[in-house]
Amino acid sequence: MIGYLEGQIIHHDEDSILLLAGHVGYEILLNPMTLDQVKSGASDDGIVSLYIYYHVTDRQPKPVLIGFGSPEDKEFFQLFISVSAVGPMKAVKALTRPVTVIANAIEEKDVSFLSQLSGIGKRTAEKIIATLHGKVTAFLGPETEKTQVATAPLNQTLREISQQVEEVLVDQLGHSVASARRMIKEAFDRNPSIETPEALFDEIYREVQ
């Protein structure tokens, strides 16, 4: 069983990398956010480290390696695939937002947000909530966990703003999904008082310039 790999990226595709570790090349699937983190977070010599989920079944006899940047992300993934309608291959495509954001949506029972994840429709979103609600609090940020009820309307507004800006960054300006989401997150980190898409764009491009 492979649980951890450390090595050099020698090739990457849209949803995977080829990692050279111990003179062996491992093909590893990554969700978009992890792929972006891995490429930007590699050391000067290109060395990266990944926690691995090893997937093989009778119906899927060819081993599949799925990589994560932290043990917590891997743990959340394993919890996520405990939902009957979500298998590993669907989950790796669906987890396109930070774990804390998805966990928060589950705790808020936000079907609308979850159904917008890649490959997750309304019925699957409802199953995710029914299965995992109350089980993902360990993955919430400390402040989010304390204030999730009081700030639910605000969180919904910020998600709507983020989604609008993300669509423009990706569809019109050519950024990757992972890059757009990183830019949005960094903008909110710098200026938590953002309340409109226009203000979010201003903050993003103020930093770029």
C-alpha atoms as a PDB file:
ATOM      1  CA  MET A   1       0.000   0.000   0.000  1.00  0.00           C
ATOM      2  CA  ILE A   2       1.398   3.394  -0.996  1.00  0.00           C
ATOM      3  CA  GLY A   3       0.528   6.149   1.476  1.00  0.00           C
ATOM      4  CA  TYR A   4       3.122   8.839   0.804  1.00  0.00           C
ATOM      5  CA  LEU A   5       5.441   9.777  -2.041  1.00  0.00           C
ATOM      6  CA  GLU A   6       8.159  12.378  -2.365  1.00  0.00           C
ATOM      7  CA  GLY A   7       9.857  13.093  -5.657  1.00  0.00           C
ATOM      8  CA  GLN A   8      10.222  15.260  -8.722  1.00  0.00           C
ATOM      9  CA  ILE A   9       7.478  16.114 -11.200  1.00  0.00           C
ATOM     10  CA  ILE A  10       8.654  15.076 -14.663  1.00  0.00           C
ATOM     11  CA  HIS A  11       5.351  15.624 -16.465  1.00  0.00           C
ATOM     12  CA  HIS A  12       1.904  16.998 -15.699  1.00  0.00           C
ATOM     13  CA  ASP A  13      -1.444  16.910 -17.466  1.00  0.00           C
ATOM     14  CA  GLU A  14      -4.721  18.665 -16.745  1.00  0.00           C
ATOM     15  CA  ASP A  15      -5.620  16.347 -13.867  1.00  0.00           C
ATOM     16  CA  SER A  16      -2.486  14.331 -13.096  1.00  0.00           C
ATOM     17  CA  ILE A  17       1.274  14.339 -12.695  1.00  0.00           C
ATOM     18  CA  LEU A  18       4.061  11.843 -13.311  1.00  0.00           C
ATOM     19  CA  LEU A  19       6.174  11.809 -10.173  1.00  0.00           C
ATOM     20  CA  LEU A  20       9.694  10.359 -10.215  1.00  0.00           C
ATOM     21  CA  ALA A  21      10.378   8.801  -6.812  1.00  0.00           C
ATOM     22  CA  GLY A  22      13.166   6.306  -6.241  1.00  0.00           C
ATOM     23  CA  HIS A  23      13.785   5.851  -9.974  1.00  0.00           C
ATOM     24  CA  VAL A  24      10.116   4.897 -10.476  1.00  0.00           C
ATOM     25  CA  GLY A  25       7.556   7.119 -12.182  1.00  0.00           C
ATOM     26  CA  TYR A  26       4.158   7.204 -10.479  1.00  0.00           C
ATOM     27  CA  GLU A  27       1.104   8.536 -12.281  1.00  0.00           C
ATOM     28  CA  ILE A  28      -0.952  10.400  -9.681  1.00  0.00           C
ATOM     29  CA  LEU A  29      -4.393  11.959 -10.075  1.00  0.00           C
ATOM     30  CA  LEU A  30      -4.880  15.357  -8.432  1.00  0.00           C
ATOM     31  CA  ASN A  31      -7.852  17.653  -8.068  1.00  0.00           C
ATOM     32  CA  PRO A  32      -7.348  21.102  -9.684  1.00  0.00           C
ATOM     33  CA  MET A  33      -6.513  22.891  -6.429  1.00  0.00           C
ATOM     34  CA  THR A  34      -3.939  20.305  -5.365  1.00  0.00           C
ATOM     35  CA  LEU A  35      -2.377  20.295  -8.830  1.00  0.00           C
ATOM     36  CA  ASP A  36      -1.951  24.067  -8.704  1.00  0.00           C
ATOM     37  CA  GLN A  37      -0.558  23.925  -5.158  1.00  0.00           C
ATOM     38  CA  VAL A  38       1.914  21.211  -6.125  1.00  0.00           C
ATOM     39  CA  LYS A  39       3.222  23.053  -9.176  1.00  0.00           C
ATOM     40  CA  SER A  40       3.599  26.351  -7.319  1.00  0.00           C
ATOM     41  CA  GLY A  41       4.877  24.817  -4.080  1.00  0.00           C
ATOM     42  CA  ALA A  42       7.660  22.635  -5.459  1.00  0.00           C
ATOM     43  CA  SER A  43      11.121  23.261  -4.044  1.00  0.00           C
ATOM     44  CA  ASP A  44      13.900  24.733  -6.179  1.00  0.00           C
ATOM     45  CA  ASP A  45      14.885  21.275  -7.375  1.00  0.00           C
ATOM     46  CA  GLY A  46      11.268  20.418  -8.235  1.00  0.00           C
ATOM     47  CA  ILE A  47      10.744  18.082  -5.284  1.00  0.00           C
ATOM     48  CA  VAL A  48       7.160  17.733  -3.994  1.00  0.00           C
ATOM     49  CA  SER A  49       5.544  15.535  -1.379  1.00  0.00           C
ATOM     50  CA  LEU A  50       2.081  14.004  -1.538  1.00  0.00           C
ATOM     51  CA  TYR A  51      -0.123  11.916   0.714  1.00  0.00           C
ATOM     52  CA  ILE A  52      -1.575   9.108  -1.390  1.00  0.00           C
ATOM     53  CA  TYR A  53      -4.949   7.393  -1.496  1.00  0.00           C
ATOM     54  CA  TYR A  54      -4.465   4.001  -3.160  1.00  0.00           C
ATOM     55  CA  HIS A  55      -7.600   2.842  -4.994  1.00  0.00           C
ATOM     56  CA  VAL A  56      -8.051  -0.663  -6.389  1.00  0.00           C
ATOM     57  CA  THR A  57     -11.141  -2.909  -6.461  1.00  0.00           C
ATOM     58  CA  ASP A  58     -12.365  -5.995  -8.298  1.00  0.00           C
ATOM     59  CA  ARG A  59     -14.180  -3.713 -10.737  1.00  0.00           C
ATOM     60  CA  GLN A  60     -11.164  -1.392 -10.905  1.00  0.00           C
ATOM     61  CA  PRO A  61      -8.212  -3.821 -10.888  1.00  0.00           C
ATOM     62  CA  LYS A  62      -5.731  -1.260 -12.232  1.00  0.00           C
ATOM     63  CA  PRO A  63      -4.380   0.663  -9.206  1.00  0.00           C
ATOM     64  CA  VAL A  64      -5.142   4.386  -9.147  1.00  0.00           C
ATOM     65  CA  LEU A  65      -3.118   6.795  -7.011  1.00  0.00           C
ATOM     66  CA  ILE A  66      -4.796  10.005  -5.864  1.00  0.00           C
ATOM     67  CA  GLY A  67      -2.605  12.659  -4.265  1.00  0.00           C
ATOM     68  CA  PHE A  68      -3.202  15.247  -1.552  1.00  0.00           C
ATOM     69  CA  GLY A  69      -1.114  18.070  -0.153  1.00  0.00           C
ATOM     70  CA  SER A  70      -1.886  17.284   3.498  1.00  0.00           C
ATOM     71  CA  PRO A  71      -3.127  14.413   5.681  1.00  0.00           C
ATOM     72  CA  GLU A  72      -6.235  16.480   6.459  1.00  0.00           C
ATOM     73  CA  ASP A  73      -7.171  16.771   2.781  1.00  0.00           C
ATOM     74  CA  LYS A  74      -6.744  13.024   2.362  1.00  0.00           C
ATOM     75  CA  GLU A  75      -8.837  12.365   5.471  1.00  0.00           C
ATOM     76  CA  PHE A  76     -11.635  14.595   4.183  1.00  0.00           C
ATOM     77  CA  PHE A  77     -11.522  12.806   0.824  1.00  0.00           C
ATOM     78  CA  GLN A  78     -11.928   9.432   2.535  1.00  0.00           C
ATOM     79  CA  LEU A  79     -14.915  10.796   4.446  1.00  0.00           C
ATOM     80  CA  PHE A  80     -16.359  12.306   1.270  1.00  0.00           C
ATOM     81  CA  ILE A  81     -16.271   8.997  -0.607  1.00  0.00           C
ATOM     82  CA  SER A  82     -18.178   7.292   2.213  1.00  0.00           C
ATOM     83  CA  VAL A  83     -21.282   8.831   0.623  1.00  0.00           C
ATOM     84  CA  SER A  84     -22.968   6.075  -1.391  1.00  0.00           C
ATOM     85  CA  ALA A  85     -23.301   8.173  -4.556  1.00  0.00           C
ATOM     86  CA  VAL A  86     -19.679   9.395  -4.529  1.00  0.00           C
ATOM     87  CA  GLY A  87     -16.797   7.171  -5.568  1.00  0.00           C
ATOM     88  CA  PRO A  88     -13.096   8.088  -5.635  1.00  0.00           C
ATOM     89  CA  MET A  89     -13.041   9.038  -9.314  1.00  0.00           C
ATOM     90  CA  LYS A  90     -16.060  11.323  -8.954  1.00  0.00           C
ATOM     91  CA  ALA A  91     -14.707  12.811  -5.730  1.00  0.00           C
ATOM     92  CA  VAL A  92     -11.316  13.769  -7.177  1.00  0.00           C
ATOM     93  CA  LYS A  93     -13.125  15.793  -9.862  1.00  0.00           C
ATOM     94  CA  ALA A  94     -15.667  17.262  -7.434  1.00  0.00           C
ATOM     95  CA  LEU A  95     -13.265  18.626  -4.815  1.00  0.00           C
ATOM     96  CA  THR A  96     -12.500  21.849  -6.668  1.00  0.00           C
ATOM     97  CA  ARG A  97     -12.893  24.094  -3.618  1.00  0.00           C
ATOM     98  CA  PRO A  98     -10.922  24.189  -0.359  1.00  0.00           C
ATOM     99  CA  VAL A  99     -11.875  21.499   2.123  1.00  0.00           C
ATOM    100  CA  THR A 100     -12.885  24.120   4.691  1.00  0.00           C
ATOM    101  CA  VAL A 101     -15.317  25.712   2.235  1.00  0.00           C
ATOM    102  CA  ILE A 102     -16.936  22.393   1.286  1.00  0.00           C
ATOM    103  CA  ALA A 103     -17.155  21.337   4.929  1.00  0.00           C
ATOM    104  CA  ASN A 104     -18.805  24.638   5.783  1.00  0.00           C
ATOM    105  CA  ALA A 105     -21.363  24.128   2.983  1.00  0.00           C
ATOM    106  CA  ILE A 106     -22.159  20.661   4.337  1.00  0.00           C
ATOM    107  CA  GLU A 107     -22.681  22.004   7.841  1.00  0.00           C
ATOM    108  CA  GLU A 108     -24.882  24.821   6.473  1.00  0.00           C
ATOM    109  CA  LYS A 109     -26.846  22.267   4.391  1.00  0.00           C
ATOM    110  CA  ASP A 110     -26.131  24.387   1.340  1.00  0.00           C
ATOM    111  CA  VAL A 111     -27.478  22.167  -1.448  1.00  0.00           C
ATOM    112  CA  SER A 112     -27.099  24.935  -4.029  1.00  0.00           C
ATOM    113  CA  PHE A 113     -23.365  25.316  -3.435  1.00  0.00           C
ATOM    114  CA  LEU A 114     -22.605  21.590  -3.306  1.00  0.00           C
ATOM    115  CA  SER A 115     -24.605  20.872  -6.462  1.00  0.00           C
ATOM    116  CA  GLN A 116     -22.304  23.275  -8.351  1.00  0.00           C
ATOM    117  CA  LEU A 117     -19.244  21.105  -7.673  1.00  0.00           C
ATOM    118  CA  SER A 118     -18.105  19.220 -10.759  1.00  0.00           C
ATOM    119  CA  GLY A 119     -20.222  16.085 -11.282  1.00  0.00           C
ATOM    120  CA  ILE A 120     -22.383  16.715  -8.211  1.00  0.00           C
ATOM    121  CA  GLY A 121     -26.062  17.321  -8.912  1.00  0.00           C
ATOM    122  CA  LYS A 122     -28.859  18.207  -6.523  1.00  0.00           C
ATOM    123  CA  ARG A 123     -29.652  14.626  -5.499  1.00  0.00           C
ATOM    124  CA  THR A 124     -26.018  13.805  -4.793  1.00  0.00           C
ATOM    125  CA  ALA A 125     -25.612  17.062  -2.857  1.00  0.00           C
ATOM    126  CA  GLU A 126     -28.567  16.088  -0.690  1.00  0.00           C
ATOM    127  CA  LYS A 127     -27.021  12.654  -0.069  1.00  0.00           C
ATOM    128  CA  ILE A 128     -23.712  14.280   0.883  1.00  0.00           C
ATOM    129  CA  ILE A 129     -25.461  16.451   3.447  1.00  0.00           C
ATOM    130  CA  ALA A 130     -27.562  13.572   4.791  1.00  0.00           C
ATOM    131  CA  THR A 131     -24.461  11.397   5.219  1.00  0.00           C
ATOM    132  CA  LEU A 132     -21.858  13.913   6.399  1.00  0.00           C
ATOM    133  CA  HIS A 133     -23.716  16.680   8.247  1.00  0.00           C
ATOM    134  CA  GLY A 134     -22.284  16.860  11.754  1.00  0.00           C
ATOM    135  CA  LYS A 135     -19.258  14.739  10.801  1.00  0.00           C
ATOM    136  CA  VAL A 136     -17.057  17.385   9.151  1.00  0.00           C
ATOM    137  CA  THR A 137     -16.728  19.976  11.925  1.00  0.00           C
ATOM    138  CA  ALA A 138     -13.078  19.019  12.377  1.00  0.00           C
ATOM    139  CA  PHE A 139     -12.395  20.436   8.924  1.00  0.00           C
ATOM    140  CA  LEU A 140     -13.927  23.857   9.583  1.00  0.00           C
ATOM    141  CA  GLY A 141     -11.666  26.800  10.371  1.00  0.00           C
ATOM    142  CA  PRO A 142     -11.828  27.797  14.076  1.00  0.00           C
ATOM    143  CA  GLU A 143     -13.654  31.072  13.405  1.00  0.00           C
ATOM    144  CA  THR A 144     -15.979  29.507  10.866  1.00  0.00           C
ATOM    145  CA  GLU A 145     -16.967  26.761  13.286  1.00  0.00           C
ATOM    146  CA  LYS A 146     -17.859  29.270  16.001  1.00  0.00           C
ATOM    147  CA  THR A 147     -19.797  31.671  13.794  1.00  0.00           C
ATOM    148  CA  GLN A 148     -21.248  29.518  11.009  1.00  0.00           C
ATOM    149  CA  VAL A 149     -24.897  30.144  11.985  1.00  0.00           C
ATOM    150  CA  ALA A 150     -24.532  33.885  12.464  1.00  0.00           C
ATOM    151  CA  THR A 151     -22.633  34.401   9.234  1.00  0.00           C
ATOM    152  CA  ALA A 152     -24.563  32.053   6.906  1.00  0.00           C
ATOM    153  CA  PRO A 153     -26.259  34.848   4.865  1.00  0.00           C
ATOM    154  CA  LEU A 154     -22.924  36.661   4.526  1.00  0.00           C
ATOM    155  CA  ASN A 155     -21.176  33.468   3.446  1.00  0.00           C
ATOM    156  CA  GLN A 156     -23.808  32.909   0.778  1.00  0.00           C
ATOM    157  CA  THR A 157     -23.289  36.442  -0.554  1.00  0.00           C
ATOM    158  CA  LEU A 158     -19.504  36.040  -0.647  1.00  0.00           C
ATOM    159  CA  ARG A 159     -19.837  32.738  -2.498  1.00  0.00           C
ATOM    160  CA  GLU A 160     -22.068  34.376  -5.104  1.00  0.00           C
ATOM    161  CA  ILE A 161     -19.553  37.215  -5.565  1.00  0.00           C
ATOM    162  CA  SER A 162     -16.666  34.738  -5.799  1.00  0.00           C
ATOM    163  CA  GLN A 163     -18.494  32.642  -8.365  1.00  0.00           C
ATOM    164  CA  GLN A 164     -19.234  35.647 -10.587  1.00  0.00           C
ATOM    165  CA  VAL A 165     -15.623  36.797 -10.505  1.00  0.00           C
ATOM    166  CA  GLU A 166     -14.281  33.275 -11.008  1.00  0.00           C
ATOM    167  CA  GLU A 167     -16.376  32.856 -14.167  1.00  0.00           C
ATOM    168  CA  VAL A 168     -14.956  36.067 -15.644  1.00  0.00           C
ATOM    169  CA  LEU A 169     -11.365  35.194 -14.713  1.00  0.00           C
ATOM    170  CA  VAL A 170     -11.648  31.749 -16.297  1.00  0.00           C
ATOM    171  CA  ASP A 171     -14.009  32.249 -19.251  1.00  0.00           C
ATOM    172  CA  GLN A 172     -12.966  35.735 -20.350  1.00  0.00           C
ATOM    173  CA  LEU A 173      -9.455  36.281 -19.035  1.00  0.00           C
ATOM    174  CA  GLY A 174      -7.982  32.812 -19.542  1.00  0.00           C
ATOM    175  CA  HIS A 175      -6.954  31.915 -15.989  1.00  0.00           C
ATOM    176  CA  SER A 176      -7.141  28.312 -14.829  1.00  0.00           C
ATOM    177  CA  VAL A 177      -9.849  27.454 -12.316  1.00  0.00           C
ATOM    178  CA  ALA A 178      -7.292  26.787  -9.584  1.00  0.00           C
ATOM    179  CA  SER A 179      -5.436  30.037 -10.295  1.00  0.00           C
ATOM    180  CA  ALA A 180      -8.655  32.072 -10.291  1.00  0.00           C
ATOM    181  CA  ARG A 181      -9.718  30.604  -6.959  1.00  0.00           C
ATOM    182  CA  ARG A 182      -6.311  31.273  -5.429  1.00  0.00           C
ATOM    183  CA  MET A 183      -6.462  34.908  -6.584  1.00  0.00           C
ATOM    184  CA  ILE A 184      -9.944  35.302  -5.112  1.00  0.00           C
ATOM    185  CA  LYS A 185      -8.936  33.750  -1.793  1.00  0.00           C
ATOM    186  CA  GLU A 186      -5.844  35.947  -1.508  1.00  0.00           C
ATOM    187  CA  ALA A 187      -7.923  39.042  -2.301  1.00  0.00           C
ATOM    188  CA  PHE A 188     -10.381  38.231   0.497  1.00  0.00           C
ATOM    189  CA  ASP A 189      -7.496  37.484   2.869  1.00  0.00           C
ATOM    190  CA  ARG A 190      -6.044  40.940   2.164  1.00  0.00           C
ATOM    191  CA  ASN A 191      -9.385  42.734   2.310  1.00  0.00           C
ATOM    192  CA  PRO A 192     -12.175  40.920   4.203  1.00  0.00           C
ATOM    193  CA  SER A 193     -14.507  43.925   3.772  1.00  0.00           C
ATOM    194  CA  ILE A 194     -15.108  43.191   0.050  1.00  0.00           C
ATOM    195  CA  GLU A 195     -18.850  43.174  -0.636  1.00  0.00           C
ATOM    196  CA  THR A 196     -19.222  43.449  -4.429  1.00  0.00           C
ATOM    197  CA  PRO A 197     -17.735  41.776  -7.526  1.00  0.00           C
ATOM    198  CA  GLU A 198     -16.287  45.135  -8.588  1.00  0.00           C
ATOM    199  CA  ALA A 199     -14.466  45.529  -5.280  1.00  0.00           C
ATOM    200  CA  LEU A 200     -13.131  41.986  -5.583  1.00  0.00           C
ATOM    201  CA  PHE A 201     -11.766  42.664  -9.085  1.00  0.00           C
ATOM    202  CA  ASP A 202     -10.137  45.882  -7.851  1.00  0.00           C
ATOM    203  CA  GLU A 203      -8.403  44.026  -5.027  1.00  0.00           C
ATOM    204  CA  ILE A 204      -7.227  41.198  -7.292  1.00  0.00           C
ATOM    205  CA  TYR A 205      -5.711  43.496  -9.894  1.00  0.00           C
ATOM    206  CA  ARG A 206      -4.312  45.935  -7.371  1.00  0.00           C
ATOM    207  CA  GLU A 207      -2.071  43.088  -6.198  1.00  0.00           C
ATOM    208  CA  VAL A 208      -1.283  41.951  -9.751  1.00  0.00           C
ATOM    209  CA  GLN A 209      -0.169  45.440 -10.747  1.00  0.00           C
END
